[in-house]
C-alpha atoms as a PDB file:
ATOM      1  CA  MET A   1       0.243  -0.099   0.346  1.00  0.00           C
ATOM      2  CA  SER A   2       1.463   3.095  -1.015  1.00  0.00           C
ATOM      3  CA  ILE A   3       1.661   6.056   1.478  1.00  0.00           C
ATOM      4  CA  GLU A   4      -0.749   8.470  -0.405  1.00  0.00           C
ATOM      5  CA  ARG A   5      -3.575   5.221   0.498  1.00  0.00           C
ATOM      6  CA  LEU A   6      -2.243   4.999   3.518  1.00  0.00           C
ATOM      7  CA  LYS A   7      -2.397   8.768   4.707  1.00  0.00           C
ATOM      8  CA  PRO A   8      -6.285   8.905   5.137  1.00  0.00           C
ATOM      9  CA  HIS A   9      -5.787   5.911   8.390  1.00  0.00           C
ATOM     10  CA  LEU A  10      -2.806   7.500  10.050  1.00  0.00           C
ATOM     11  CA  PRO A  11      -4.625   9.039  12.368  1.00  0.00           C
ATOM     12  CA  TRP A  12      -6.617   5.810  13.307  1.00  0.00           C
ATOM     13  CA  ILE A  13      -3.438   3.862  13.323  1.00  0.00           C
ATOM     14  CA  THR A  14      -1.509   6.464  15.219  1.00  0.00           C
ATOM     15  CA  LEU A  15      -4.107   7.109  17.895  1.00  0.00           C
ATOM     16  CA  LEU A  16      -4.488   3.003  18.600  1.00  0.00           C
ATOM     17  CA  THR A  17      -0.385   2.733  18.510  1.00  0.00           C
ATOM     18  CA  LEU A  18      -0.334   5.503  21.448  1.00  0.00           C
ATOM     19  CA  VAL A  19      -3.047   3.844  23.577  1.00  0.00           C
ATOM     20  CA  VAL A  20      -1.266   0.183  23.350  1.00  0.00           C
ATOM     21  CA  ILE A  21       2.371   2.285  24.046  1.00  0.00           C
ATOM     22  CA  VAL A  22       1.149   4.006  26.884  1.00  0.00           C
ATOM     23  CA  GLY A  23      -1.679   1.081  27.967  1.00  0.00           C
ATOM     24  CA  VAL A  24       2.092  -1.343  27.829  1.00  0.00           C
ATOM     25  CA  ALA A  25       4.102   1.171  29.976  1.00  0.00           C
ATOM     26  CA  ASP A  26       0.640   1.652  32.509  1.00  0.00           C
ATOM     27  CA  ALA A  27      -2.040  -0.870  32.562  1.00  0.00           C
ATOM     28  CA  ASN A  28      -4.261   1.705  34.808  1.00  0.00           C
ATOM     29  CA  PHE A  29      -4.314   3.510  31.785  1.00  0.00           C
ATOM     30  CA  LEU A  30      -6.794   1.474  30.011  1.00  0.00           C
ATOM     31  CA  ARG A  31      -9.152   0.867  33.105  1.00  0.00           C
ATOM     32  CA  PRO A  32     -12.456   2.654  31.563  1.00  0.00           C
ATOM     33  CA  VAL A  33     -12.930   5.305  34.635  1.00  0.00           C
ATOM     34  CA  ASN A  34      -9.259   6.876  33.655  1.00  0.00           C
ATOM     35  CA  LEU A  35     -10.309   6.571  30.198  1.00  0.00           C
ATOM     36  CA  LEU A  36     -13.491   8.434  30.705  1.00  0.00           C
ATOM     37  CA  ASN A  37     -12.353  11.042  32.714  1.00  0.00           C
ATOM     38  CA  MET A  38      -9.432  11.940  30.234  1.00  0.00           C
ATOM     39  CA  VAL A  39     -12.114  12.230  27.822  1.00  0.00           C
ATOM     40  CA  ALA A  40     -13.564  14.603  30.086  1.00  0.00           C
ATOM     41  CA  ASP A  41     -10.843  17.095  30.591  1.00  0.00           C
ATOM     42  CA  ILE A  42      -9.601  17.429  27.427  1.00  0.00           C
ATOM     43  CA  MET A  43     -13.707  18.444  26.393  1.00  0.00           C
ATOM     44  CA  PRO A  44     -12.755  22.512  26.425  1.00  0.00           C
ATOM     45  CA  LEU A  45      -9.787  21.617  24.110  1.00  0.00           C
ATOM     46  CA  PHE A  46     -11.887  19.991  22.009  1.00  0.00           C
ATOM     47  CA  ILE A  47     -14.926  21.696  21.595  1.00  0.00           C
ATOM     48  CA  MET A  48     -12.128  24.841  20.609  1.00  0.00           C
ATOM     49  CA  ALA A  49     -10.482  22.054  17.981  1.00  0.00           C
ATOM     50  CA  LEU A  50     -13.844  21.782  16.445  1.00  0.00           C
ATOM     51  CA  GLY A  51     -14.379  25.376  15.543  1.00  0.00           C
ATOM     52  CA  LEU A  52     -10.665  25.876  14.387  1.00  0.00           C
ATOM     53  CA  THR A  53     -11.727  23.033  12.085  1.00  0.00           C
ATOM     54  CA  PHE A  54     -14.130  24.835   9.974  1.00  0.00           C
ATOM     55  CA  ALA A  55     -11.343  28.232  10.211  1.00  0.00           C
ATOM     56  CA  ILE A  56      -8.658  25.588   8.883  1.00  0.00           C
ATOM     57  CA  TYR A  57     -11.030  23.176   5.880  1.00  0.00           C
ATOM     58  CA  ILE A  58     -11.770  26.501   4.456  1.00  0.00           C
ATOM     59  CA  GLY A  59      -7.970  27.304   3.885  1.00  0.00           C
ATOM     60  CA  GLY A  60      -7.376  30.008   6.260  1.00  0.00           C
ATOM     61  CA  ILE A  61      -6.264  30.031  10.166  1.00  0.00           C
ATOM     62  CA  ASP A  62      -7.793  31.251  13.887  1.00  0.00           C
ATOM     63  CA  LEU A  63      -5.756  32.284  16.261  1.00  0.00           C
ATOM     64  CA  SER A  64      -8.016  33.969  18.188  1.00  0.00           C
ATOM     65  CA  ALA A  65      -9.891  31.050  19.464  1.00  0.00           C
ATOM     66  CA  GLN A  66      -7.576  31.350  22.680  1.00  0.00           C
ATOM     67  CA  SER A  67      -7.909  34.289  23.379  1.00  0.00           C
ATOM     68  CA  LEU A  68     -12.016  34.228  22.594  1.00  0.00           C
ATOM     69  CA  ALA A  69     -11.978  31.596  25.541  1.00  0.00           C
ATOM     70  CA  ASN A  70     -10.221  33.651  27.460  1.00  0.00           C
ATOM     71  CA  MET A  71     -12.805  36.312  26.825  1.00  0.00           C
ATOM     72  CA  THR A  72     -15.893  34.211  27.604  1.00  0.00           C
ATOM     73  CA  THR A  73     -14.508  33.115  30.971  1.00  0.00           C
ATOM     74  CA  VAL A  74     -14.456  36.672  32.413  1.00  0.00           C
ATOM     75  CA  ILE A  75     -18.133  37.258  30.516  1.00  0.00           C
ATOM     76  CA  ALA A  76     -19.517  34.455  31.460  1.00  0.00           C
ATOM     77  CA  THR A  77     -18.011  34.894  35.557  1.00  0.00           C
ATOM     78  CA  VAL A  78     -19.440  38.566  35.376  1.00  0.00           C
ATOM     79  CA  ALA A  79     -22.713  37.927  33.683  1.00  0.00           C
ATOM     80  CA  LEU A  80     -23.654  35.182  35.986  1.00  0.00           C
ATOM     81  CA  PRO A  81     -25.080  37.048  38.835  1.00  0.00           C
ATOM     82  CA  SER A  82     -27.353  39.084  36.781  1.00  0.00           C
ATOM     83  CA  LEU A  83     -28.114  36.787  33.811  1.00  0.00           C
ATOM     84  CA  GLY A  84     -28.009  33.124  35.021  1.00  0.00           C
ATOM     85  CA  ILE A  85     -28.222  31.151  32.261  1.00  0.00           C
ATOM     86  CA  GLY A  86     -28.514  33.513  30.049  1.00  0.00           C
ATOM     87  CA  ALA A  87     -24.889  34.042  30.399  1.00  0.00           C
ATOM     88  CA  ALA A  88     -24.002  31.544  28.011  1.00  0.00           C
ATOM     89  CA  LEU A  89     -26.248  33.798  24.880  1.00  0.00           C
ATOM     90  CA  VAL A  90     -24.248  36.572  25.844  1.00  0.00           C
ATOM     91  CA  CYS A  91     -21.173  34.213  25.675  1.00  0.00           C
ATOM     92  CA  ILE A  92     -22.458  32.917  22.116  1.00  0.00           C
ATOM     93  CA  LEU A  93     -23.052  36.077  20.517  1.00  0.00           C
ATOM     94  CA  ALA A  94     -19.491  37.666  21.729  1.00  0.00           C
ATOM     95  CA  GLY A  95     -18.025  34.457  20.196  1.00  0.00           C
ATOM     96  CA  LEU A  96     -19.990  34.751  16.849  1.00  0.00           C
ATOM     97  CA  THR A  97     -19.492  38.852  16.779  1.00  0.00           C
ATOM     98  CA  PHE A  98     -15.791  38.070  17.249  1.00  0.00           C
ATOM     99  CA  GLY A  99     -15.538  35.695  14.741  1.00  0.00           C
ATOM    100  CA  ALA A 100     -17.651  37.455  12.096  1.00  0.00           C
ATOM    101  CA  ILE A 101     -15.129  40.172  12.433  1.00  0.00           C
ATOM    102  CA  SER A 102     -12.267  38.245  11.743  1.00  0.00           C
ATOM    103  CA  GLY A 103     -14.462  36.989   8.407  1.00  0.00           C
ATOM    104  CA  PHE A 104     -15.047  40.277   7.607  1.00  0.00           C
ATOM    105  CA  ILE A 105     -11.244  41.552   7.789  1.00  0.00           C
ATOM    106  CA  THR A 106     -10.006  38.656   5.896  1.00  0.00           C
ATOM    107  CA  THR A 107     -12.759  38.619   3.013  1.00  0.00           C
ATOM    108  CA  LYS A 108     -13.395  42.548   2.756  1.00  0.00           C
ATOM    109  CA  LEU A 109     -10.032  44.403   3.540  1.00  0.00           C
ATOM    110  CA  TYR A 110      -8.241  41.740   2.426  1.00  0.00           C
ATOM    111  CA  VAL A 111      -6.261  40.563   5.171  1.00  0.00           C
ATOM    112  CA  PRO A 112      -4.693  37.406   5.783  1.00  0.00           C
ATOM    113  CA  SER A 113      -6.803  35.283   8.253  1.00  0.00           C
ATOM    114  CA  PHE A 114      -3.450  35.059  10.437  1.00  0.00           C
ATOM    115  CA  VAL A 115      -2.966  38.472  11.058  1.00  0.00           C
ATOM    116  CA  SER A 116      -6.589  39.406  11.445  1.00  0.00           C
ATOM    117  CA  THR A 117      -7.332  36.377  13.911  1.00  0.00           C
ATOM    118  CA  LEU A 118      -4.068  37.734  15.941  1.00  0.00           C
ATOM    119  CA  ALA A 119      -5.557  40.919  16.104  1.00  0.00           C
ATOM    120  CA  VAL A 120      -8.935  40.243  17.018  1.00  0.00           C
ATOM    121  CA  GLY A 121      -7.575  37.934  19.485  1.00  0.00           C
ATOM    122  CA  GLY A 122      -5.755  40.568  20.743  1.00  0.00           C
ATOM    123  CA  VAL A 123      -8.840  42.854  21.102  1.00  0.00           C
ATOM    124  CA  ALA A 124     -10.625  40.322  23.040  1.00  0.00           C
ATOM    125  CA  TYR A 125      -7.767  39.731  25.273  1.00  0.00           C
ATOM    126  CA  SER A 126      -7.864  43.261  26.409  1.00  0.00           C
ATOM    127  CA  TYR A 127     -11.485  43.419  26.666  1.00  0.00           C
ATOM    128  CA  ALA A 128     -10.881  40.873  29.160  1.00  0.00           C
ATOM    129  CA  GLN A 129      -8.181  42.215  30.751  1.00  0.00           C
ATOM    130  CA  TYR A 130     -10.792  45.827  31.122  1.00  0.00           C
ATOM    131  CA  LEU A 131     -13.836  43.723  32.425  1.00  0.00           C
ATOM    132  CA  SER A 132     -12.019  41.516  34.707  1.00  0.00           C
ATOM    133  CA  GLY A 133     -10.058  44.785  36.252  1.00  0.00           C
ATOM    134  CA  GLN A 134      -7.038  42.400  35.384  1.00  0.00           C
ATOM    135  CA  ARG A 135      -7.736  39.666  38.102  1.00  0.00           C
ATOM    136  CA  ALA A 136      -8.987  36.327  38.164  1.00  0.00           C
ATOM    137  CA  LEU A 137     -12.612  36.194  39.204  1.00  0.00           C
ATOM    138  CA  TYR A 138     -14.796  33.626  40.591  1.00  0.00           C
ATOM    139  CA  MET A 139     -18.545  32.108  40.452  1.00  0.00           C
ATOM    140  CA  ASP A 140     -20.882  31.749  43.013  1.00  0.00           C
ATOM    141  CA  ALA A 141     -21.275  28.148  43.396  1.00  0.00           C
ATOM    142  CA  THR A 142     -24.736  28.013  43.975  1.00  0.00           C
ATOM    143  CA  LEU A 143     -25.335  30.607  41.341  1.00  0.00           C
ATOM    144  CA  ARG A 144     -23.353  28.324  38.555  1.00  0.00           C
ATOM    145  CA  ASP A 145     -24.658  24.956  40.086  1.00  0.00           C
ATOM    146  CA  SER A 146     -27.925  26.160  39.649  1.00  0.00           C
ATOM    147  CA  SER A 147     -27.432  27.352  35.622  1.00  0.00           C
ATOM    148  CA  PHE A 148     -24.605  25.636  34.726  1.00  0.00           C
ATOM    149  CA  GLY A 149     -24.860  22.491  36.969  1.00  0.00           C
ATOM    150  CA  TRP A 150     -26.292  20.097  34.285  1.00  0.00           C
ATOM    151  CA  MET A 151     -22.631  20.941  32.385  1.00  0.00           C
ATOM    152  CA  VAL A 152     -20.792  19.241  34.703  1.00  0.00           C
ATOM    153  CA  GLY A 153     -21.446  16.786  37.489  1.00  0.00           C
ATOM    154  CA  ASN A 154     -21.788  12.742  35.978  1.00  0.00           C
ATOM    155  CA  THR A 155     -24.526  10.527  35.067  1.00  0.00           C
ATOM    156  CA  ALA A 156     -23.921   6.576  35.091  1.00  0.00           C
ATOM    157  CA  GLY A 157     -20.320   7.259  35.454  1.00  0.00           C
ATOM    158  CA  ILE A 158     -20.290   9.514  32.379  1.00  0.00           C
ATOM    159  CA  PRO A 159     -19.113  13.049  32.838  1.00  0.00           C
ATOM    160  CA  HIS A 160     -21.253  15.349  31.706  1.00  0.00           C
ATOM    161  CA  GLU A 161     -18.604  16.938  29.281  1.00  0.00           C
ATOM    162  CA  ILE A 162     -19.064  14.154  27.429  1.00  0.00           C
ATOM    163  CA  PHE A 163     -22.238  14.689  26.790  1.00  0.00           C
ATOM    164  CA  VAL A 164     -21.979  18.602  25.797  1.00  0.00           C
ATOM    165  CA  GLY A 165     -19.105  17.479  23.700  1.00  0.00           C
ATOM    166  CA  ALA A 166     -20.925  14.881  21.721  1.00  0.00           C
ATOM    167  CA  VAL A 167     -23.772  17.041  21.401  1.00  0.00           C
ATOM    168  CA  LEU A 168     -21.946  19.340  19.228  1.00  0.00           C
ATOM    169  CA  VAL A 169     -19.651  16.895  17.448  1.00  0.00           C
ATOM    170  CA  LEU A 170     -23.162  15.553  15.924  1.00  0.00           C
ATOM    171  CA  ALA A 171     -24.232  18.764  15.539  1.00  0.00           C
ATOM    172  CA  MET A 172     -21.276  19.901  13.431  1.00  0.00           C
ATOM    173  CA  LEU A 173     -21.208  17.017  11.681  1.00  0.00           C
ATOM    174  CA  PHE A 174     -24.558  17.009  10.154  1.00  0.00           C
ATOM    175  CA  LEU A 175     -23.716  20.989   9.720  1.00  0.00           C
ATOM    176  CA  GLN A 176     -20.877  19.446   7.618  1.00  0.00           C
ATOM    177  CA  GLU A 177     -22.196  16.606   5.630  1.00  0.00           C
ATOM    178  CA  ARG A 178     -26.027  17.382   5.362  1.00  0.00           C
ATOM    179  CA  THR A 179     -26.219  21.009   4.316  1.00  0.00           C
ATOM    180  CA  THR A 180     -25.577  23.273   1.688  1.00  0.00           C
ATOM    181  CA  PHE A 181     -23.547  25.367   3.579  1.00  0.00           C
ATOM    182  CA  GLY A 182     -21.146  22.221   4.543  1.00  0.00           C
ATOM    183  CA  ARG A 183     -20.890  21.623   0.942  1.00  0.00           C
ATOM    184  CA  ALA A 184     -19.847  24.674   0.072  1.00  0.00           C
ATOM    185  CA  LEU A 185     -17.182  24.748   2.521  1.00  0.00           C
ATOM    186  CA  LYS A 186     -15.495  21.826   1.395  1.00  0.00           C
ATOM    187  CA  ALA A 187     -15.683  23.759  -2.138  1.00  0.00           C
ATOM    188  CA  VAL A 188     -14.108  26.503  -0.749  1.00  0.00           C
ATOM    189  CA  GLY A 189     -11.484  24.765   0.997  1.00  0.00           C
ATOM    190  CA  ALA A 190     -10.519  22.456  -2.313  1.00  0.00           C
ATOM    191  CA  GLY A 191     -10.565  24.764  -4.457  1.00  0.00           C
ATOM    192  CA  GLU A 192     -11.684  28.734  -3.452  1.00  0.00           C
ATOM    193  CA  LEU A 193     -11.325  30.268  -7.560  1.00  0.00           C
ATOM    194  CA  ALA A 194     -13.331  27.161  -8.703  1.00  0.00           C
ATOM    195  CA  ALA A 195     -16.237  27.861  -5.944  1.00  0.00           C
ATOM    196  CA  VAL A 196     -16.301  31.826  -6.965  1.00  0.00           C
ATOM    197  CA  ALA A 197     -16.741  30.269 -10.866  1.00  0.00           C
ATOM    198  CA  SER A 198     -19.489  28.473  -9.737  1.00  0.00           C
ATOM    199  CA  GLY A 199     -21.310  31.063  -8.480  1.00  0.00           C
ATOM    200  CA  LEU A 200     -21.154  30.487  -4.435  1.00  0.00           C
ATOM    201  CA  ASN A 201     -20.920  33.422  -2.408  1.00  0.00           C
ATOM    202  CA  VAL A 202     -17.222  32.744  -0.915  1.00  0.00           C
ATOM    203  CA  THR A 203     -17.346  36.216   0.974  1.00  0.00           C
ATOM    204  CA  ARG A 204     -20.388  34.750   3.050  1.00  0.00           C
ATOM    205  CA  ILE A 205     -19.324  31.458   3.475  1.00  0.00           C
ATOM    206  CA  LYS A 206     -15.940  32.205   4.821  1.00  0.00           C
ATOM    207  CA  VAL A 207     -17.451  34.794   7.112  1.00  0.00           C
ATOM    208  CA  MET A 208     -19.674  32.410   8.507  1.00  0.00           C
ATOM    209  CA  ALA A 209     -16.653  29.967   9.051  1.00  0.00           C
ATOM    210  CA  PHE A 210     -14.716  32.135  11.075  1.00  0.00           C
ATOM    211  CA  ALA A 211     -18.043  33.152  13.644  1.00  0.00           C
ATOM    212  CA  LEU A 212     -18.465  29.306  13.719  1.00  0.00           C
ATOM    213  CA  SER A 213     -14.955  29.232  15.043  1.00  0.00           C
ATOM    214  CA  GLY A 214     -15.397  32.133  17.530  1.00  0.00           C
ATOM    215  CA  MET A 215     -18.854  30.532  18.909  1.00  0.00           C
ATOM    216  CA  LEU A 216     -17.261  27.559  19.254  1.00  0.00           C
ATOM    217  CA  ALA A 217     -14.299  28.899  21.113  1.00  0.00           C
ATOM    218  CA  ALA A 218     -16.439  30.829  23.352  1.00  0.00           C
ATOM    219  CA  ILE A 219     -18.551  27.772  24.292  1.00  0.00           C
ATOM    220  CA  ALA A 220     -15.271  25.998  24.961  1.00  0.00           C
ATOM    221  CA  GLY A 221     -14.281  29.321  27.121  1.00  0.00           C
ATOM    222  CA  LEU A 222     -17.619  28.784  29.002  1.00  0.00           C
ATOM    223  CA  LEU A 223     -17.030  25.016  29.699  1.00  0.00           C
ATOM    224  CA  PHE A 224     -14.125  25.787  30.954  1.00  0.00           C
ATOM    225  CA  SER A 225     -15.247  28.498  33.081  1.00  0.00           C
ATOM    226  CA  VAL A 226     -17.907  26.134  34.754  1.00  0.00           C
ATOM    227  CA  LYS A 227     -15.354  23.672  35.324  1.00  0.00           C
ATOM    228  CA  LEU A 228     -13.091  26.216  37.355  1.00  0.00           C
ATOM    229  CA  SER A 229     -15.658  28.146  38.644  1.00  0.00           C
ATOM    230  CA  GLY A 230     -14.452  31.439  37.529  1.00  0.00           C
ATOM    231  CA  GLY A 231     -13.072  33.590  34.611  1.00  0.00           C
ATOM    232  CA  ALA A 232      -9.576  35.303  34.044  1.00  0.00           C
ATOM    233  CA  PRO A 233      -8.226  36.603  31.105  1.00  0.00           C
ATOM    234  CA  THR A 234      -5.023  33.862  30.990  1.00  0.00           C
ATOM    235  CA  LEU A 235      -7.408  31.341  31.851  1.00  0.00           C
ATOM    236  CA  ALA A 236      -7.256  28.922  28.694  1.00  0.00           C
ATOM    237  CA  ASN A 237      -3.324  30.219  27.925  1.00  0.00           C
ATOM    238  CA  GLY A 238      -1.840  27.026  26.178  1.00  0.00           C
ATOM    239  CA  PHE A 239      -4.695  25.812  24.397  1.00  0.00           C
ATOM    240  CA  LEU A 240      -4.442  27.325  21.224  1.00  0.00           C
ATOM    241  CA  LEU A 241      -1.413  25.008  20.071  1.00  0.00           C
ATOM    242  CA  PRO A 242      -2.290  21.834  20.816  1.00  0.00           C
ATOM    243  CA  ALA A 243      -5.890  22.576  19.467  1.00  0.00           C
ATOM    244  CA  ILE A 244      -3.957  23.650  16.199  1.00  0.00           C
ATOM    245  CA  VAL A 245      -2.096  20.389  16.769  1.00  0.00           C
ATOM    246  CA  ALA A 246      -5.435  17.990  17.116  1.00  0.00           C
ATOM    247  CA  VAL A 247      -6.827  19.372  13.743  1.00  0.00           C
ATOM    248  CA  LEU A 248      -3.934  19.240  11.717  1.00  0.00           C
ATOM    249  CA  VAL A 249      -2.855  15.696  13.159  1.00  0.00           C
ATOM    250  CA  GLY A 250      -6.657  14.513  12.409  1.00  0.00           C
ATOM    251  CA  GLY A 251      -5.943  14.752   9.107  1.00  0.00           C
ATOM    252  CA  THR A 252      -7.742  18.081   8.030  1.00  0.00           C
ATOM    253  CA  PRO A 253      -4.239  20.113   6.346  1.00  0.00           C
ATOM    254  CA  LEU A 254      -3.629  23.701   6.489  1.00  0.00           C
ATOM    255  CA  THR A 255      -4.565  23.672   2.954  1.00  0.00           C
ATOM    256  CA  GLY A 256      -8.208  23.054   3.632  1.00  0.00           C
ATOM    257  CA  GLY A 257     -10.579  21.193   1.557  1.00  0.00           C
ATOM    258  CA  VAL A 258     -10.537  17.845   3.233  1.00  0.00           C
ATOM    259  CA  GLY A 259     -10.603  16.031   6.694  1.00  0.00           C
ATOM    260  CA  GLY A 260     -13.199  17.635   8.863  1.00  0.00           C
ATOM    261  CA  VAL A 261     -15.463  17.528  12.157  1.00  0.00           C
ATOM    262  CA  LEU A 262     -14.554  13.383  12.625  1.00  0.00           C
ATOM    263  CA  ASN A 263     -10.780  13.958  11.947  1.00  0.00           C
ATOM    264  CA  THR A 264     -10.786  16.441  14.516  1.00  0.00           C
ATOM    265  CA  LEU A 265     -12.406  14.161  17.215  1.00  0.00           C
ATOM    266  CA  ILE A 266      -9.706  11.808  16.214  1.00  0.00           C
ATOM    267  CA  GLY A 267      -6.925  14.198  16.223  1.00  0.00           C
ATOM    268  CA  THR A 268      -7.935  15.433  19.702  1.00  0.00           C
ATOM    269  CA  LEU A 269      -8.042  11.980  21.454  1.00  0.00           C
ATOM    270  CA  ILE A 270      -4.331  11.825  19.739  1.00  0.00           C
ATOM    271  CA  VAL A 271      -3.638  14.809  21.647  1.00  0.00           C
ATOM    272  CA  ALA A 272      -5.287  13.545  25.248  1.00  0.00           C
ATOM    273  CA  VAL A 273      -3.588  10.411  25.165  1.00  0.00           C
ATOM    274  CA  ILE A 274       0.282  12.333  24.301  1.00  0.00           C
ATOM    275  CA  ARG A 275      -0.867  14.729  27.337  1.00  0.00           C
ATOM    276  CA  SER A 276      -1.370  11.669  29.585  1.00  0.00           C
ATOM    277  CA  SER A 277       1.443   9.580  28.003  1.00  0.00           C
ATOM    278  CA  MET A 278       3.600  12.745  29.010  1.00  0.00           C
ATOM    279  CA  LEU A 279       2.141  12.589  32.521  1.00  0.00           C
ATOM    280  CA  TYR A 280       3.447   8.695  32.825  1.00  0.00           C
ATOM    281  CA  PHE A 281       6.395   9.053  31.529  1.00  0.00           C
ATOM    282  CA  GLU A 282       6.978  12.413  33.458  1.00  0.00           C
ATOM    283  CA  VAL A 283       7.921  14.858  30.974  1.00  0.00           C
ATOM    284  CA  ASP A 284       8.671  18.116  32.759  1.00  0.00           C
ATOM    285  CA  ALA A 285       6.117  20.968  32.248  1.00  0.00           C
ATOM    286  CA  THR A 286       8.329  23.107  31.120  1.00  0.00           C
ATOM    287  CA  MET A 287       9.178  20.777  28.023  1.00  0.00           C
ATOM    288  CA  GLN A 288       5.256  19.785  26.865  1.00  0.00           C
ATOM    289  CA  GLN A 289       4.981  22.828  24.670  1.00  0.00           C
ATOM    290  CA  MET A 290       7.931  21.915  23.013  1.00  0.00           C
ATOM    291  CA  VAL A 291       6.619  18.069  22.081  1.00  0.00           C
ATOM    292  CA  PHE A 292       3.596  19.973  21.218  1.00  0.00           C
ATOM    293  CA  GLY A 293       5.601  22.579  18.403  1.00  0.00           C
ATOM    294  CA  ILE A 294       7.373  19.744  17.618  1.00  0.00           C
ATOM    295  CA  ILE A 295       4.114  17.508  16.654  1.00  0.00           C
ATOM    296  CA  LEU A 296       2.798  20.380  14.493  1.00  0.00           C
ATOM    297  CA  ILE A 297       5.953  20.555  12.585  1.00  0.00           C
ATOM    298  CA  LEU A 298       5.477  16.640  11.602  1.00  0.00           C
ATOM    299  CA  ALA A 299       1.448  17.057  11.212  1.00  0.00           C
ATOM    300  CA  ILE A 300       1.610  20.259   8.644  1.00  0.00           C
ATOM    301  CA  ALA A 301       4.523  18.100   6.596  1.00  0.00           C
ATOM    302  CA  LEU A 302       2.659  14.939   6.580  1.00  0.00           C
ATOM    303  CA  THR A 303      -1.023  16.779   5.752  1.00  0.00           C
ATOM    304  CA  ILE A 304      -0.219  19.694   3.383  1.00  0.00           C
ATOM    305  CA  ASP A 305      -0.952  19.462   0.026  1.00  0.00           C
ATOM    306  CA  ARG A 306       2.066  20.941  -2.144  1.00  0.00           C
ATOM    307  CA  SER A 307      -0.104  20.886  -5.410  1.00  0.00           C
ATOM    308  CA  LYS A 308      -1.929  23.809  -3.898  1.00  0.00           C
ATOM    309  CA  LEU A 309       1.556  25.450  -2.512  1.00  0.00           C
ATOM    310  CA  ARG A 310       3.756  25.859  -5.515  1.00  0.00           C
ATOM    311  CA  ILE A 311       5.611  28.621  -3.308  1.00  0.00           C
ATOM    312  CA  VAL A 312       6.165  28.817   0.516  1.00  0.00           C
ATOM    313  CA  LYS A 313       7.133  31.971   2.223  1.00  0.00           C
END
């Protein structure tokens, strides 16, 4: 079998190989309760990666996701006392708005997405700093449980975070596979000029993709805030690189057009196992970002479609 035919199966093979390696090193890793807790812990990261999938699927990138998640933790904490569960709607609208602004800047002002999203992320970070007074905020436990208790805890031994992630992945999978918008996203990622020539409103599609990425980053921030019972402008720091790694390792290349939601699910599980393995093998915390950086380079090198990149700058 050639490497090109094997490439679509590499994420599954990688995941199974890693599970076997870590399981052999420590049999406790394979205990169902440990696996469930590992998946639950990775859910905020997965939801952020799920949003990044749509930005990368169209051949772009969203570097604002981490800052939007940070901002959302602050918004959720500040809005909870007065709005209750309505704070979730405010968070989602904030994520949609910031994501749409990134898409507008990219499509209308012709600013590359890595620059526009980085700038919008800076705005989100500054707003979070202002709103929080540059300090960590804490949720009232009673208010949190009454409004968002359904997001945490467990039922029949299964953490509720997994149910939240499952609902989102099914919704996004339906959007990708069963809607006109999903097919349009694939067309834009596969060849934007061809999509324009076929009559698609590429500008609207790209803005919607970035808005979707922003919305899911906000939901990730909301879940993270509820889990930790508070918010801060830096609470989700360290999430962006692993989230990008999850998308790319899962098989959605930076050039777009292939991969998608299920690939990101596999990629996130790979990231989860890698994070767990670094704990089992006692890899120093300061080295973990280096590990993800190396994995990111390898993922890009293995997944990118070189036929779309005649010149690399």
